[in-house]
PDB file of N, CA and C in Angstrom:
ATOM      1  N   UNK A   1     179.005 101.582 128.448  1.00  0.00           N
ATOM      2  CA  UNK A   1     177.907 102.531 128.585  1.00  0.00           C
ATOM      3  C   UNK A   1     178.463 103.948 128.585  1.00  0.00           C
ATOM      4  N   UNK A   2     177.697 104.841 128.030  1.00  0.00           N
ATOM      5  CA  UNK A   2     178.123 106.237 127.923  1.00  0.00           C
ATOM      6  C   UNK A   2     178.083 106.931 129.283  1.00  0.00           C
ATOM      7  N   UNK A   3     178.967 107.887 129.456  1.00  0.00           N
ATOM      8  CA  UNK A   3     179.011 108.670 130.693  1.00  0.00           C
ATOM      9  C   UNK A   3     178.385 110.043 130.521  1.00  0.00           C
ATOM     10  N   UNK A   4     178.417 110.558 129.300  1.00  0.00           N
ATOM     11  CA  UNK A   4     177.923 111.905 129.039  1.00  0.00           C
ATOM     12  C   UNK A   4     176.402 111.866 128.888  1.00  0.00           C
ATOM     13  N   UNK A   5     175.756 112.870 129.452  1.00  0.00           N
ATOM     14  CA  UNK A   5     174.293 112.907 129.474  1.00  0.00           C
ATOM     15  C   UNK A   5     173.684 112.878 128.077  1.00  0.00           C
ATOM     16  N   UNK A   6     174.245 113.657 127.161  1.00  0.00           N
ATOM     17  CA  UNK A   6     173.695 113.708 125.808  1.00  0.00           C
ATOM     18  C   UNK A   6     173.875 112.369 125.093  1.00  0.00           C
ATOM     19  N   UNK A   7     174.961 111.674 125.367  1.00  0.00           N
ATOM     20  CA  UNK A   7     175.197 110.357 124.763  1.00  0.00           C
ATOM     21  C   UNK A   7     174.198 109.339 125.301  1.00  0.00           C
ATOM     22  N   UNK A   8     173.903 109.431 126.583  1.00  0.00           N
ATOM     23  CA  UNK A   8     172.900 108.537 127.181  1.00  0.00           C
ATOM     24  C   UNK A   8     171.531 108.781 126.544  1.00  0.00           C
ATOM     25  N   UNK A   9     171.209 110.062 126.313  1.00  0.00           N
ATOM     26  CA  UNK A   9     169.934 110.395 125.692  1.00  0.00           C
ATOM     27  C   UNK A   9     169.881 109.859 124.265  1.00  0.00           C
ATOM     28  N   UNK A  10     170.969 109.997 123.513  1.00  0.00           N
ATOM     29  CA  UNK A  10     171.006 109.496 122.136  1.00  0.00           C
ATOM     30  C   UNK A  10     170.781 107.986 122.098  1.00  0.00           C
ATOM     31  N   UNK A  11     171.371 107.284 123.065  1.00  0.00           N
ATOM     32  CA  UNK A  11     171.198 105.830 123.137  1.00  0.00           C
ATOM     33  C   UNK A  11     169.722 105.497 123.344  1.00  0.00           C
ATOM     34  N   UNK A  12     169.058 106.231 124.218  1.00  0.00           N
ATOM     35  CA  UNK A  12     167.633 105.990 124.481  1.00  0.00           C
ATOM     36  C   UNK A  12     166.790 106.309 123.253  1.00  0.00           C
ATOM     37  N   UNK A  13     167.098 107.412 122.583  1.00  0.00           N
ATOM     38  CA  UNK A  13     166.342 107.822 121.394  1.00  0.00           C
ATOM     39  C   UNK A  13     166.517 106.797 120.273  1.00  0.00           C
ATOM     40  N   UNK A  14     167.745 106.347 120.074  1.00  0.00           N
ATOM     41  CA  UNK A  14     168.019 105.364 119.031  1.00  0.00           C
ATOM     42  C   UNK A  14     167.304 104.052 119.319  1.00  0.00           C
ATOM     43  N   UNK A  15     167.278 103.659 120.575  1.00  0.00           N
ATOM     44  CA  UNK A  15     166.577 102.418 120.952  1.00  0.00           C
ATOM     45  C   UNK A  15     165.086 102.524 120.639  1.00  0.00           C
ATOM     46  N   UNK A  16     164.522 103.694 120.901  1.00  0.00           N
ATOM     47  CA  UNK A  16     163.105 103.927 120.624  1.00  0.00           C
ATOM     48  C   UNK A  16     162.823 103.867 119.120  1.00  0.00           C
ATOM     49  N   UNK A  17     163.682 104.522 118.331  1.00  0.00           N
ATOM     50  CA  UNK A  17     163.505 104.518 116.877  1.00  0.00           C
ATOM     51  C   UNK A  17     163.696 103.122 116.300  1.00  0.00           C
ATOM     52  N   UNK A  18     164.667 102.386 116.829  1.00  0.00           N
ATOM     53  CA  UNK A  18     164.919 101.023 116.365  1.00  0.00           C
ATOM     54  C   UNK A  18     163.707 100.142 116.625  1.00  0.00           C
ATOM     55  N   UNK A  19     163.116 100.289 117.793  1.00  0.00           N
ATOM     56  CA  UNK A  19     161.922  99.503 118.135  1.00  0.00           C
ATOM     57  C   UNK A  19     160.779  99.824 117.178  1.00  0.00           C
ATOM     58  N   UNK A  20     160.592 101.101 116.871  1.00  0.00           N
ATOM     59  CA  UNK A  20     159.523 101.489 115.954  1.00  0.00           C
ATOM     60  C   UNK A  20     159.782 100.930 114.556  1.00  0.00           C
ATOM     61  N   UNK A  21     161.017 101.052 114.095  1.00  0.00           N
ATOM     62  CA  UNK A  21     161.358 100.545 112.768  1.00  0.00           C
ATOM     63  C   UNK A  21     161.146  99.038 112.682  1.00  0.00           C
ATOM     64  N   UNK A  22     161.499  98.322 113.726  1.00  0.00           N
ATOM     65  CA  UNK A  22     161.286  96.867 113.737  1.00  0.00           C
ATOM     66  C   UNK A  22     159.808  96.529 113.660  1.00  0.00           C
ATOM     67  N   UNK A  23     158.997  97.262 114.425  1.00  0.00           N
ATOM     68  CA  UNK A  23     157.543  97.024 114.390  1.00  0.00           C
ATOM     69  C   UNK A  23     156.997  97.269 112.985  1.00  0.00           C
ATOM     70  N   UNK A  24     157.395  98.368 112.385  1.00  0.00           N
ATOM     71  CA  UNK A  24     156.889  98.729 111.057  1.00  0.00           C
ATOM     72  C   UNK A  24     157.323  97.700 110.020  1.00  0.00           C
ATOM     73  N   UNK A  25     158.595  97.305 110.054  1.00  0.00           N
ATOM     74  CA  UNK A  25     159.097  96.326 109.080  1.00  0.00           C
ATOM     75  C   UNK A  25     158.424  94.976 109.256  1.00  0.00           C
ATOM     76  N   UNK A  26     158.195  94.574 110.500  1.00  0.00           N
ATOM     77  CA  UNK A  26     157.516  93.308 110.771  1.00  0.00           C
ATOM     78  C   UNK A  26     156.084  93.356 110.240  1.00  0.00           C
ATOM     79  N   UNK A  27     155.432  94.482 110.455  1.00  0.00           N
ATOM     80  CA  UNK A  27     154.058  94.670 109.973  1.00  0.00           C
ATOM     81  C   UNK A  27     154.018  94.627 108.440  1.00  0.00           C
ATOM     82  N   UNK A  28     154.998  95.254 107.804  1.00  0.00           N
ATOM     83  CA  UNK A  28     155.082  95.240 106.345  1.00  0.00           C
ATOM     84  C   UNK A  28     155.245  93.814 105.813  1.00  0.00           C
ATOM     85  N   UNK A  29     156.108  93.057 106.464  1.00  0.00           N
ATOM     86  CA  UNK A  29     156.332  91.672 106.039  1.00  0.00           C
ATOM     87  C   UNK A  29     155.047  90.860 106.147  1.00  0.00           C
ATOM     88  N   UNK A  30     154.291  91.076 107.221  1.00  0.00           N
ATOM     89  CA  UNK A  30     153.030  90.352 107.402  1.00  0.00           C
ATOM     90  C   UNK A  30     152.022  90.733 106.318  1.00  0.00           C
ATOM     91  N   UNK A  31     151.940  92.014 105.999  1.00  0.00           N
ATOM     92  CA  UNK A  31     151.012  92.481 104.965  1.00  0.00           C
ATOM     93  C   UNK A  31     151.387  91.892 103.608  1.00  0.00           C
ATOM     94  N   UNK A  32     152.678  91.909 103.284  1.00  0.00           N
ATOM     95  CA  UNK A  32     153.132  91.365 102.006  1.00  0.00           C
ATOM     96  C   UNK A  32     152.900  89.856 101.939  1.00  0.00           C
ATOM     97  N   UNK A  33     153.060  89.186 103.061  1.00  0.00           N
ATOM     98  CA  UNK A  33     152.819  87.744 103.106  1.00  0.00           C
ATOM     99  C   UNK A  33     151.335  87.451 102.888  1.00  0.00           C
ATOM    100  N   UNK A  34     150.466  88.263 103.474  1.00  0.00           N
ATOM    101  CA  UNK A  34     149.021  88.102 103.262  1.00  0.00           C
ATOM    102  C   UNK A  34     148.665  88.293 101.792  1.00  0.00           C
ATOM    103  N   UNK A  35     149.298  89.264 101.160  1.00  0.00           N
ATOM    104  CA  UNK A  35     149.077  89.498  99.730  1.00  0.00           C
ATOM    105  C   UNK A  35     149.511  88.281  98.924  1.00  0.00           C
ATOM    106  N   UNK A  36     150.702  87.766  99.224  1.00  0.00           N
ATOM    107  CA  UNK A  36     151.228  86.602  98.505  1.00  0.00           C
ATOM    108  C   UNK A  36     150.320  85.387  98.682  1.00  0.00           C
ATOM    109  N   UNK A  37     149.803  85.203  99.878  1.00  0.00           N
ATOM    110  CA  UNK A  37     148.908  84.076 100.162  1.00  0.00           C
ATOM    111  C   UNK A  37     147.622  84.204  99.353  1.00  0.00           C
ATOM    112  N   UNK A  38     147.036  85.385  99.346  1.00  0.00           N
ATOM    113  CA  UNK A  38     145.805  85.612  98.586  1.00  0.00           C
ATOM    114  C   UNK A  38     146.041  85.394  97.097  1.00  0.00           C
ATOM    115  N   UNK A  39     147.196  85.821  96.618  1.00  0.00           N
ATOM    116  CA  UNK A  39     147.528  85.655  95.202  1.00  0.00           C
ATOM    117  C   UNK A  39     147.737  84.174  94.865  1.00  0.00           C
ATOM    118  N   UNK A  40     148.387  83.455  95.761  1.00  0.00           N
ATOM    119  CA  UNK A  40     148.642  82.032  95.542  1.00  0.00           C
ATOM    120  C   UNK A  40     147.343  81.224  95.516  1.00  0.00           C
ATOM    121  N   UNK A  41     146.368  81.685  96.288  1.00  0.00           N
ATOM    122  CA  UNK A  41     145.070  81.001  96.333  1.00  0.00           C
ATOM    123  C   UNK A  41     144.133  81.475  95.228  1.00  0.00           C
ATOM    124  N   UNK A  42     144.619  82.333  94.356  1.00  0.00           N
ATOM    125  CA  UNK A  42     143.843  82.903  93.248  1.00  0.00           C
ATOM    126  C   UNK A  42     142.601  83.648  93.733  1.00  0.00           C
ATOM    127  N   UNK A  43     142.689  84.223  94.921  1.00  0.00           N
ATOM    128  CA  UNK A  43     141.609  85.041  95.467  1.00  0.00           C
ATOM    129  C   UNK A  43     141.914  86.491  95.109  1.00  0.00           C
ATOM    130  N   UNK A  44     141.521  86.871  93.891  1.00  0.00           N
ATOM    131  CA  UNK A  44     141.925  88.181  93.375  1.00  0.00           C
ATOM    132  C   UNK A  44     141.252  89.347  94.083  1.00  0.00           C
ATOM    133  N   UNK A  45     140.040  89.143  94.595  1.00  0.00           N
ATOM    134  CA  UNK A  45     139.372  90.238  95.321  1.00  0.00           C
ATOM    135  C   UNK A  45     140.142  90.573  96.599  1.00  0.00           C
ATOM    136  N   UNK A  46     140.492  89.549  97.352  1.00  0.00           N
ATOM    137  CA  UNK A  46     141.265  89.763  98.577  1.00  0.00           C
ATOM    138  C   UNK A  46     142.655  90.287  98.239  1.00  0.00           C
ATOM    139  N   UNK A  47     143.248  89.739  97.185  1.00  0.00           N
ATOM    140  CA  UNK A  47     144.587  90.185  96.780  1.00  0.00           C
ATOM    141  C   UNK A  47     144.570  91.672  96.424  1.00  0.00           C
ATOM    142  N   UNK A  48     143.510  92.125  95.776  1.00  0.00           N
ATOM    143  CA  UNK A  48     143.395  93.546  95.416  1.00  0.00           C
ATOM    144  C   UNK A  48     143.351  94.416  96.672  1.00  0.00           C
ATOM    145  N   UNK A  49     142.566  93.982  97.668  1.00  0.00           N
ATOM    146  CA  UNK A  49     142.486  94.726  98.932  1.00  0.00           C
ATOM    147  C   UNK A  49     143.849  94.762  99.619  1.00  0.00           C
ATOM    148  N   UNK A  50     144.525  93.619  99.627  1.00  0.00           N
ATOM    149  CA  UNK A  50     145.836  93.533 100.265  1.00  0.00           C
ATOM    150  C   UNK A  50     146.870  94.370  99.508  1.00  0.00           C
ATOM    151  N   UNK A  51     146.722  94.444  98.194  1.00  0.00           N
ATOM    152  CA  UNK A  51     147.623  95.254  97.373  1.00  0.00           C
ATOM    153  C   UNK A  51     147.484  96.737  97.728  1.00  0.00           C
ATOM    154  N   UNK A  52     146.266  97.194  97.850  1.00  0.00           N
ATOM    155  CA  UNK A  52     146.015  98.600  98.201  1.00  0.00           C
ATOM    156  C   UNK A  52     146.595  98.909  99.583  1.00  0.00           C
ATOM    157  N   UNK A  53     146.358  98.004 100.534  1.00  0.00           N
ATOM    158  CA  UNK A  53     146.877  98.197 101.886  1.00  0.00           C
ATOM    159  C   UNK A  53     148.403  98.172 101.888  1.00  0.00           C
ATOM    160  N   UNK A  54     148.984  97.225 101.156  1.00  0.00           N
ATOM    161  CA  UNK A  54     150.443  97.114 101.112  1.00  0.00           C
ATOM    162  C   UNK A  54     151.070  98.377 100.521  1.00  0.00           C
ATOM    163  N   UNK A  55     150.476  98.879  99.453  1.00  0.00           N
ATOM    164  CA  UNK A  55     151.012 100.091  98.838  1.00  0.00           C
ATOM    165  C   UNK A  55     150.960 101.258  99.819  1.00  0.00           C
ATOM    166  N   UNK A  56     149.842 101.396 100.502  1.00  0.00           N
ATOM    167  CA  UNK A  56     149.680 102.482 101.460  1.00  0.00           C
ATOM    168  C   UNK A  56     150.730 102.395 102.569  1.00  0.00           C
ATOM    169  N   UNK A  57     150.888 101.201 103.133  1.00  0.00           N
ATOM    170  CA  UNK A  57     151.832 101.028 104.245  1.00  0.00           C
ATOM    171  C   UNK A  57     153.287 101.193 103.793  1.00  0.00           C
ATOM    172  N   UNK A  58     153.603 100.734 102.591  1.00  0.00           N
ATOM    173  CA  UNK A  58     154.957 100.909 102.080  1.00  0.00           C
ATOM    174  C   UNK A  58     155.270 102.393 101.893  1.00  0.00           C
ATOM    175  N   UNK A  59     154.330 103.133 101.340  1.00  0.00           N
ATOM    176  CA  UNK A  59     154.546 104.572 101.145  1.00  0.00           C
ATOM    177  C   UNK A  59     154.681 105.295 102.496  1.00  0.00           C
ATOM    178  N   UNK A  60     153.885 104.877 103.483  1.00  0.00           N
ATOM    179  CA  UNK A  60     153.984 105.482 104.809  1.00  0.00           C
ATOM    180  C   UNK A  60     155.347 105.209 105.432  1.00  0.00           C
ATOM    181  N   UNK A  61     155.801 103.967 105.305  1.00  0.00           N
ATOM    182  CA  UNK A  61     157.107 103.606 105.870  1.00  0.00           C
ATOM    183  C   UNK A  61     158.217 104.412 105.206  1.00  0.00           C
ATOM    184  N   UNK A  62     158.091 104.630 103.905  1.00  0.00           N
ATOM    185  CA  UNK A  62     159.089 105.429 103.190  1.00  0.00           C
ATOM    186  C   UNK A  62     159.032 106.882 103.645  1.00  0.00           C
ATOM    187  N   UNK A  63     157.835 107.392 103.853  1.00  0.00           N
ATOM    188  CA  UNK A  63     157.681 108.785 104.279  1.00  0.00           C
ATOM    189  C   UNK A  63     158.285 109.010 105.661  1.00  0.00           C
ATOM    190  N   UNK A  64     158.194 108.006 106.521  1.00  0.00           N
ATOM    191  CA  UNK A  64     158.738 108.121 107.874  1.00  0.00           C
ATOM    192  C   UNK A  64     160.222 107.802 107.938  1.00  0.00           C
ATOM    193  N   UNK A  65     160.783 107.316 106.816  1.00  0.00           N
ATOM    194  CA  UNK A  65     162.208 107.032 106.799  1.00  0.00           C
ATOM    195  C   UNK A  65     162.573 105.642 107.268  1.00  0.00           C
ATOM    196  N   UNK A  66     161.586 104.783 107.466  1.00  0.00           N
ATOM    197  CA  UNK A  66     161.877 103.423 107.899  1.00  0.00           C
ATOM    198  C   UNK A  66     162.538 102.633 106.780  1.00  0.00           C
ATOM    199  N   UNK A  67     162.031 102.811 105.571  1.00  0.00           N
ATOM    200  CA  UNK A  67     162.668 102.227 104.393  1.00  0.00           C
ATOM    201  C   UNK A  67     162.891 103.345 103.382  1.00  0.00           C
ATOM    202  N   UNK A  68     163.778 103.114 102.443  1.00  0.00           N
ATOM    203  CA  UNK A  68     164.074 104.123 101.434  1.00  0.00           C
ATOM    204  C   UNK A  68     162.907 104.238 100.463  1.00  0.00           C
ATOM    205  N   UNK A  69     162.679 105.440  99.943  1.00  0.00           N
ATOM    206  CA  UNK A  69     161.536 105.642  99.054  1.00  0.00           C
ATOM    207  C   UNK A  69     161.653 104.835  97.771  1.00  0.00           C
ATOM    208  N   UNK A  70     162.875 104.645  97.277  1.00  0.00           N
ATOM    209  CA  UNK A  70     163.049 103.829  96.076  1.00  0.00           C
ATOM    210  C   UNK A  70     162.766 102.360  96.355  1.00  0.00           C
ATOM    211  N   UNK A  71     163.104 101.896  97.543  1.00  0.00           N
ATOM    212  CA  UNK A  71     162.817 100.507  97.920  1.00  0.00           C
ATOM    213  C   UNK A  71     161.306 100.301  97.991  1.00  0.00           C
ATOM    214  N   UNK A  72     160.604 101.282  98.552  1.00  0.00           N
ATOM    215  CA  UNK A  72     159.147 101.195  98.637  1.00  0.00           C
ATOM    216  C   UNK A  72     158.540 101.177  97.232  1.00  0.00           C
ATOM    217  N   UNK A  73     159.015 102.051  96.370  1.00  0.00           N
ATOM    218  CA  UNK A  73     158.498 102.098  95.002  1.00  0.00           C
ATOM    219  C   UNK A  73     158.773 100.796  94.260  1.00  0.00           C
ATOM    220  N   UNK A  74     159.949 100.244  94.464  1.00  0.00           N
ATOM    221  CA  UNK A  74     160.314  98.986  93.812  1.00  0.00           C
ATOM    222  C   UNK A  74     159.396  97.852  94.264  1.00  0.00           C
ATOM    223  N   UNK A  75     159.144  97.782  95.572  1.00  0.00           N
ATOM    224  CA  UNK A  75     158.271  96.725  96.102  1.00  0.00           C
ATOM    225  C   UNK A  75     156.842  96.889  95.587  1.00  0.00           C
ATOM    226  N   UNK A  76     156.353  98.117  95.563  1.00  0.00           N
ATOM    227  CA  UNK A  76     155.005  98.383  95.054  1.00  0.00           C
ATOM    228  C   UNK A  76     154.918  97.969  93.596  1.00  0.00           C
ATOM    229  N   UNK A  77     155.923  98.328  92.822  1.00  0.00           N
ATOM    230  CA  UNK A  77     155.943  97.987  91.403  1.00  0.00           C
ATOM    231  C   UNK A  77     155.914  96.475  91.207  1.00  0.00           C
ATOM    232  N   UNK A  78     156.712  95.772  91.974  1.00  0.00           N
ATOM    233  CA  UNK A  78     156.793  94.313  91.819  1.00  0.00           C
ATOM    234  C   UNK A  78     155.491  93.619  92.198  1.00  0.00           C
ATOM    235  N   UNK A  79     154.886  94.024  93.307  1.00  0.00           N
ATOM    236  CA  UNK A  79     153.651  93.344  93.703  1.00  0.00           C
ATOM    237  C   UNK A  79     152.501  93.716  92.772  1.00  0.00           C
ATOM    238  N   UNK A  80     152.522  94.947  92.246  1.00  0.00           N
ATOM    239  CA  UNK A  80     151.489  95.363  91.294  1.00  0.00           C
ATOM    240  C   UNK A  80     151.610  94.557  90.004  1.00  0.00           C
ATOM    241  N   UNK A  81     152.850  94.379  89.545  1.00  0.00           N
ATOM    242  CA  UNK A  81     153.067  93.566  88.338  1.00  0.00           C
ATOM    243  C   UNK A  81     152.596  92.134  88.547  1.00  0.00           C
ATOM    244  N   UNK A  82     152.888  91.572  89.725  1.00  0.00           N
ATOM    245  CA  UNK A  82     152.468  90.192  90.014  1.00  0.00           C
ATOM    246  C   UNK A  82     150.952  90.092  90.040  1.00  0.00           C
ATOM    247  N   UNK A  83     150.294  91.106  90.620  1.00  0.00           N
ATOM    248  CA  UNK A  83     148.834  91.101  90.658  1.00  0.00           C
ATOM    249  C   UNK A  83     148.264  91.200  89.251  1.00  0.00           C
ATOM    250  N   UNK A  84     148.796  92.128  88.453  1.00  0.00           N
ATOM    251  CA  UNK A  84     148.290  92.313  87.087  1.00  0.00           C
ATOM    252  C   UNK A  84     148.499  91.058  86.243  1.00  0.00           C
ATOM    253  N   UNK A  85     149.613  90.389  86.423  1.00  0.00           N
ATOM    254  CA  UNK A  85     149.887  89.160  85.689  1.00  0.00           C
ATOM    255  C   UNK A  85     148.873  88.076  86.062  1.00  0.00           C
ATOM    256  N   UNK A  86     148.579  87.950  87.362  1.00  0.00           N
ATOM    257  CA  UNK A  86     147.595  86.966  87.812  1.00  0.00           C
ATOM    258  C   UNK A  86     146.193  87.336  87.316  1.00  0.00           C
ATOM    259  N   UNK A  87     145.905  88.630  87.302  1.00  0.00           N
ATOM    260  CA  UNK A  87     144.595  89.094  86.844  1.00  0.00           C
ATOM    261  C   UNK A  87     144.414  88.807  85.346  1.00  0.00           C
ATOM    262  N   UNK A  88     145.476  89.046  84.572  1.00  0.00           N
ATOM    263  CA  UNK A  88     145.423  88.762  83.119  1.00  0.00           C
ATOM    264  C   UNK A  88     145.252  87.269  82.858  1.00  0.00           C
ATOM    265  N   UNK A  89     145.928  86.457  83.648  1.00  0.00           N
ATOM    266  CA  UNK A  89     145.844  84.998  83.479  1.00  0.00           C
ATOM    267  C   UNK A  89     144.443  84.494  83.799  1.00  0.00           C
ATOM    268  N   UNK A  90     143.812  85.134  84.769  1.00  0.00           N
ATOM    269  CA  UNK A  90     142.461  84.740  85.192  1.00  0.00           C
ATOM    270  C   UNK A  90     141.429  85.105  84.130  1.00  0.00           C
ATOM    271  N   UNK A  91     141.635  86.218  83.440  1.00  0.00           N
ATOM    272  CA  UNK A  91     140.658  86.712  82.468  1.00  0.00           C
ATOM    273  C   UNK A  91     140.668  85.938  81.173  1.00  0.00           C
TER     274      UNK A  91
END
């Protein structure tokens, strides 16, 4: 354990940020899983709603620094492509 006051504060701040990042990442995983489930069930209306929500949350996480902006863009691109492919197959 740290002895210096500023080091103790940094430990507390890092713990707080780590907890927030874990919550956000866990929430993102749940949202993406909901999207995948809706897509697997061929429920395109629900999948579209989940896609919009997932994109919004991914961009927010990138803006806050929880994930890298390129990682967020890559994930958005991949899920959008999967949705469009399923939509084309349905039509």
